[in-house]
Amino acid sequence: LPSPPTSRIAGTEVPITGSDKLRWIDLTVPSPPSPAPASPADPFVSVPPRAASGCHVVSSGRDSQRYLAWRIHEEHQNVLEVIELCALKEFPSSGLRLVFQEALCPFAFMCESEGARRGESVYLLYVLTISGVAILCNLRSPFSYVSGSILSQNDIVGFNLQTHIQSAKVTAVKAKPGCLVIGRQDGSICCYSLGKLAPSSPGFSNELRDDAGIGRLWTLMSRTKALGPVQDIDTATVNERELLFVLHLDGSLRVWDISSQTKLVNYNVHLDDFEGQPSRLWVGEADDDQELISLAVLHQGTMVPACDHIGVYAFSFGAGERFLLSPEPSVSAVPLLEGKIVDLKISTEKLWILKEVGPMLYEIVQYNSDSEEICSYVLQEDAISEQMFQSSESALDDLVWTADSVFSSMKEHSFSFISSMFLRRLLQPGVNHCSALRETLLEYKRFLSDSEFQSLTTSGLRKEILSIIEQEGSSQVASSTVYHWKKFSARYLHNWCWNNRPYGLLLDTNSEVFGLIRKGSFSLFRCLEGVEQLIYGSSDDLGNFIGLGMKLSNDTDGETLIEVLRCMGHINHLLGRSSAAIYYESLISSVISPDEVTSQILKILESGFSPQSSSPLITLLGTDAYVERRQTAHKSQRKFSVEMLLSFHKLQSRSTSWSAVFDVIDKFMKCLDTKVTIQEFELRRLCNVNSALVVQATSQVARTMFEAAFDLFLFLSYLVGVGGQVCYLFRVSTFLSAVHMRLSTLPPLQLVFISQNNNLR
């Protein structure tokens, strides 16, 4: 995991292995008979084009629930990709790519057909083209179509909205089984029974209007009050009633009963003094116990475009024959410091928000309405950036200085060792992404056809990448090798982020499934394990110890552990993750011994970075940059020495003795155990989505434990180095042996997970 943000971490992203290697089955969808579409310069549907995605839960009786995930790419607005997910099955190797004859509105809805024959699944897909043609497709499951084929006209139902008497442009669209709802620029709402009735049947279309009963005779008068354009629409089921929530540009929030076509609520969100204009709407599931339904409204900033505001509205409802929805909701605001909202999911108590905070920079936060607490999630790009030493400029400096010190006496092995370390990280599941890697190779003029690239084995990829680094002019000097790898990794990270931009969130509150649909992959989120909460949680939060079973005697022990963790943090801040990476590589290669690595790293802790030769670094960085970075490293070393001295004094003052400190360390060491066994894995070959996620998540936890154990190892070694200040050196040596054993056993365990994931490649 990368360095924690200011807010508490709620969880971390776990990539689904293989989701970047889908084989697409291309299926052309012919246009249904309709009048000529509008010109692209003036589309009938005025919903702005953007990348879009969604996920729909499909009930399957005795089987586990299935999920239908779809996405539309901004650069290919006429193409819709669909995959079918099931937790108890392996992640699909192929998906369905539907190619339409014109661009689509950034919307789709999928559900299971009720009229399918026994033993056969048929999915209904609702889409809307920018010319105003609503299309319903019947799709067979599993997707056994032949790539390049054409969907039969018998499986397509189309209806042109421009033929309707109400011809104002479409500004919003929503669908539910058997119904397509359209919002228009003039504020009108119309429901079409697409999938339930034929377009020519009576009652196929119904406009929702304010007038009722005898008032319908006064149609002209009832429409004198103009409404703002419809901004967004959402649906929800409350007390077995299908409700329609409609947001207008003028702030009107209207709730309709679809079956009776009556308006239940008319509320204006402008009354709540939110800055910006209302633009999007999300409705959560109804809470029957509390008799509440919550919704969120996005107010987009006009004066400050980069700042959005979210208002949360909770409506109470009553049960019984006379269904009532409260006319005045309770209102609360979600504090957002920066960023533009990409997607949002809402439940009764929580909101999950995907934000874009900069070019290709995203955040996911979780907001609790009751406690008003904001938590964050660690995204994949953050973890990859940390692993590839791209999280900051200091990460590169740390690696350059450390590598230069470690390989001062064996320069002939520096290139192979450092390259092996980078390749191991680059090609592991969760980091390796086919499209990103191929684009990076192309930037280095490695022109490979689709078949050539797909036929490359892991060994072949390693050779291609190594030849690039060699041709960049990398010498046997460690700092030069690191520099060229840093450039390659920076290009790869940029391509990874571009090919994996987050499109939308995936949420199933009933099954507690929370995930992310990206441009080129899919992933789910997991909560942090106990030891991760301890290491990456608040440094002053004693509550993190409760779930770890550490059995600390009193608050003093908790404060002592916090100070020990702070010491480990000082070491990590000085060295970065480069030292742990080099030590890890030394455990699984024969180039240099782990003892030699730790010896050189301890010298850095005691006296600072000391490059053996400044010439290669000056050549790479320039004289001024080199001098500046040497000064920065020197200041960091002085700060580290002072911080460690202060922490030692705090440990002495807070504990009755150093023996008590070691008792606390002993309890912490017992937490650094994965407690994972792989039983009959090779025989059973459990390759479903759940098992793949467990493998990937356990690998993440193992890496965190290894890095924590290594920081503890350096802390204890540092204690030995300043032995004049600390008694009980014999016990410190005992701990060092124990931690060294832990470090020697954790990497092979992690390698098993990574190896198993590579088998799924």
Foldseek 3Di string as FASTA:
>chain_A
DFAFDPAAAFFAWFFQFLLLQADEFEAEEEDDDDPDFDDPVDFLAPADQAKFKDKDWADDPPFAIKIWIKIAHSVQQQKIKIAIADQQFFGDNYTYIYGYPAGWRRDKDKYWDPPDDPPWTWMWMWTAGRSQKIKIFIATPPRPDHRPYYGDPVRMAIDHPCVDPPRAGWQEWDDDQQWIWTWGQFGKIKIARVNNDHPVDPPRMDIQFADDDPRVVVVVVRPPDTFGGWQYKDWAADLNFIKIWTAHQQQWTWIAGVVVSHTAETDGPVVVVDAATWHYKAWAYADPVQQKTKMKTKGAHDVDRFDIWIKMWIWGWDDDPDIHIDHHTDIDIQDDDGFDWQEWYDYPFKIWTWGDRDDLDIWIWMAGNVVRGIHTYHYLLSVLCQQLQNNDPVSLVLLLLLLLLLCVPPLQCLLVLVLVLNLVSCPFPSRDRLQLLVVLLVVLVPDDDPVRSVPQASVNSSVSVSVSLVVVPQDSRNNSSSVSSSVSSVSSSVSVSVQWPWNYWDDDPVVGWIWTHTNSGIITIDGDDLLCCCLNPDLPDLVSVVVLPLPDPDVLLSNLVSLLSVLLVLLCVLNPCSLLSSLLSLLVDPPDHSVSSLVSSLCCLVPNRDRPDCVVVCVVQNDVRSVVVVVVRVVSSVVSVVSVVVSVVVSPVSDVAVVSSVSSVVSSLVSLDLPDDDPCCVPVVSNGSNVLSVLSVSLVSLVVSLSVLVSSLSVLVVCVVVVVVHPPNVVSVVVNVVSVVSNSPSSVVSVVSSVSSSVVD
